[in-house]
Amino acid sequence: MDDEALNTATEERPRFAVAAKKLVSFTGSGWAMGSAMALVALWAAFGSVVEFSRPWELVMTAGVPILTLLLLIVVQHTQNHDNLAMQLKLDELIRALQGSREEMIRVEDADPDHLERLERAFKDHVAESAQGSPAA
C-alpha cells in the first residue's frame, strides 16, 4: 500500500459523514432517550391546551415517520462507512498473514453460491479437526 493512500485516510472527512457520525452517536445515548421522552411529554401536555386538535395529532402521526426515515438514512450511511473500514482492515490482516488464503480478500463481494461453498468447507474443516483431536 502506498503512503499516499495511508495519508488520505486521516484527511478531513466530508461534513455530512462527520455530522452523521455525531448524530448517530447522540441518538444512541441516554440524552437522546431523555430528550425524546421530554418531547413526548411536552407534546401530550400541549395537546390538552389545544384540546387535542387535528393539527396537534398530525404533528406526531406525520412528523415522527419522517424523522425516523431521515435517521434511518443517517444510520445506514454510518454503518456502510464502518463496515467498509472493517472489511478493509480484515483484508489487510489476510494480506499480511503468512499462510492465509488470498482468495478471502474481498470475499464479501463473492456470489452467494461461492460463499455457501466456503462456509461448507469451513464447517467440514471444523468437523474434521474435532474428530481428529483428543477429547478434552
Protein backbone atom coordinates (compact mmCIF):
# COMPACT_ATOMS: atom_id res chain seq x y z
CA MET A 1 0.00 0.00 0.00
CA ASP A 2 1.39 3.40 -0.87
CA ASP A 3 1.95 6.23 1.59
CA GLU A 4 -0.50 8.50 -0.26
CA ALA A 5 -3.42 6.16 0.48
CA LEU A 6 -2.40 5.98 4.13
CA ASN A 7 -2.11 9.76 4.40
CA THR A 8 -5.52 10.34 2.83
CA ALA A 9 -7.13 8.07 5.43
CA THR A 10 -6.51 10.72 8.07
CA GLU A 11 -7.59 13.69 5.96
CA GLU A 12 -10.76 15.57 6.80
CA ARG A 13 -13.91 13.63 6.02
CA PRO A 14 -16.88 15.24 4.26
CA ARG A 15 -19.10 17.33 6.53
CA PHE A 16 -22.07 15.00 6.07
CA ALA A 17 -20.03 11.99 7.21
CA VAL A 18 -18.80 13.83 10.31
CA ALA A 19 -22.29 15.13 11.14
CA ALA A 20 -23.83 11.69 10.55
CA LYS A 21 -21.33 10.05 12.90
CA LYS A 22 -22.05 12.63 15.62
CA LEU A 23 -25.83 12.32 15.15
CA VAL A 24 -25.73 8.53 15.34
CA SER A 25 -23.56 8.74 18.43
CA PHE A 26 -26.01 11.16 20.09
CA THR A 27 -29.12 9.20 19.15
CA GLY A 28 -27.66 6.14 20.82
CA SER A 29 -27.12 7.95 24.11
CA GLY A 30 -29.17 8.35 27.26
CA TRP A 31 -29.51 12.04 26.47
CA ALA A 32 -31.41 11.20 23.30
CA MET A 33 -33.79 8.93 25.19
CA GLY A 34 -34.37 11.61 27.82
CA SER A 35 -34.90 14.24 25.13
CA ALA A 36 -37.39 12.05 23.27
CA MET A 37 -39.33 11.36 26.46
CA ALA A 38 -39.38 15.09 27.31
CA LEU A 39 -40.62 15.97 23.80
CA VAL A 40 -43.41 13.39 24.02
CA ALA A 41 -44.42 14.73 27.44
CA LEU A 42 -44.44 18.31 26.08
CA TRP A 43 -46.45 17.20 23.06
CA ALA A 44 -49.01 15.47 25.29
CA ALA A 45 -49.21 18.47 27.64
CA PHE A 46 -49.64 20.83 24.70
CA GLY A 47 -52.41 18.55 23.42
CA SER A 48 -54.53 19.27 26.46
CA VAL A 49 -54.08 23.03 25.88
CA VAL A 50 -55.24 22.83 22.25
CA GLU A 51 -57.93 20.29 23.10
CA PHE A 52 -56.23 17.53 21.12
CA SER A 53 -56.92 19.17 17.76
CA ARG A 54 -56.27 17.61 14.36
CA PRO A 55 -53.07 19.63 13.70
CA TRP A 56 -51.77 18.54 17.13
CA GLU A 57 -52.35 14.92 16.14
CA LEU A 58 -50.74 15.36 12.71
CA VAL A 59 -47.52 16.59 14.29
CA MET A 60 -46.94 13.13 15.72
CA THR A 61 -48.51 10.97 13.01
CA ALA A 62 -46.72 12.72 10.15
CA GLY A 63 -43.63 14.13 11.81
CA VAL A 64 -42.31 11.03 13.55
CA PRO A 65 -42.22 8.77 10.45
CA ILE A 66 -40.39 11.49 8.51
CA LEU A 67 -37.83 11.89 11.30
CA THR A 68 -37.49 8.11 11.51
CA LEU A 69 -36.79 7.84 7.79
CA LEU A 70 -34.17 10.60 7.93
CA LEU A 71 -32.47 8.99 10.92
CA LEU A 72 -32.53 5.60 9.18
CA ILE A 73 -30.67 7.11 6.22
CA VAL A 74 -28.07 8.68 8.51
CA VAL A 75 -27.57 5.45 10.46
CA GLN A 76 -27.26 3.41 7.26
CA HIS A 77 -24.66 5.82 5.90
CA THR A 78 -22.62 5.46 9.07
CA GLN A 79 -22.95 1.66 9.11
CA ASN A 80 -21.87 1.46 5.46
CA HIS A 81 -18.77 3.52 6.25
CA ASP A 82 -17.89 1.49 9.34
CA ASN A 83 -18.50 -1.81 7.53
CA LEU A 84 -16.22 -0.83 4.67
CA ALA A 85 -13.49 0.27 7.08
CA MET A 86 -13.73 -3.05 8.95
CA GLN A 87 -13.63 -5.07 5.72
CA LEU A 88 -10.52 -3.19 4.62
CA LYS A 89 -8.84 -3.86 7.97
CA LEU A 90 -9.66 -7.56 7.68
CA ASP A 91 -8.37 -7.61 4.10
CA GLU A 92 -5.11 -6.06 5.31
CA LEU A 93 -4.78 -8.73 8.02
CA ILE A 94 -5.39 -11.50 5.50
CA ARG A 95 -2.84 -9.97 3.15
CA ALA A 96 -0.25 -9.66 5.93
CA LEU A 97 -0.67 -13.13 7.49
CA GLN A 98 1.57 -15.75 6.03
CA GLY A 99 -0.31 -18.90 5.10
CA SER A 100 -3.67 -17.16 4.71
CA ARG A 101 -5.61 -17.61 1.51
CA GLU A 102 -5.56 -14.55 -0.71
CA GLU A 103 -8.95 -15.56 -2.16
CA MET A 104 -10.50 -14.46 1.15
CA ILE A 105 -9.65 -10.83 0.41
CA ARG A 106 -12.89 -9.09 -0.64
CA VAL A 107 -14.80 -12.36 -0.26
CA GLU A 108 -17.84 -10.30 0.78
CA ASP A 109 -18.19 -9.37 -2.90
CA ALA A 110 -18.48 -13.02 -3.96
CA ASP A 111 -21.74 -14.50 -5.19
CA PRO A 112 -23.92 -16.37 -2.67
CA ASP A 113 -23.07 -19.80 -4.13
CA HIS A 114 -19.35 -19.21 -3.61
CA LEU A 115 -19.97 -18.04 -0.03
CA GLU A 116 -22.03 -21.17 0.69
CA ARG A 117 -19.24 -23.40 -0.68
CA LEU A 118 -16.71 -21.61 1.54
CA GLU A 119 -18.98 -21.95 4.56
CA ARG A 120 -19.41 -25.67 3.90
CA ALA A 121 -15.64 -26.08 3.52
CA PHE A 122 -15.02 -24.33 6.86
CA LYS A 123 -17.68 -26.42 8.61
CA ASP A 124 -16.16 -29.60 7.17
CA HIS A 125 -12.71 -28.48 8.32
CA VAL A 126 -14.00 -27.83 11.85
CA ALA A 127 -15.75 -31.21 11.94
CA GLU A 128 -12.58 -32.98 10.73
CA SER A 129 -10.48 -31.14 13.31
CA ALA A 130 -12.90 -32.07 16.09
CA GLN A 131 -12.82 -35.76 15.10
CA GLY A 132 -9.02 -35.83 14.93
CA SER A 133 -8.39 -34.08 18.26
CA PRO A 134 -8.39 -35.87 21.62
CA ALA A 135 -11.38 -35.32 23.93
CA ALA A 136 -10.92 -32.57 26.47
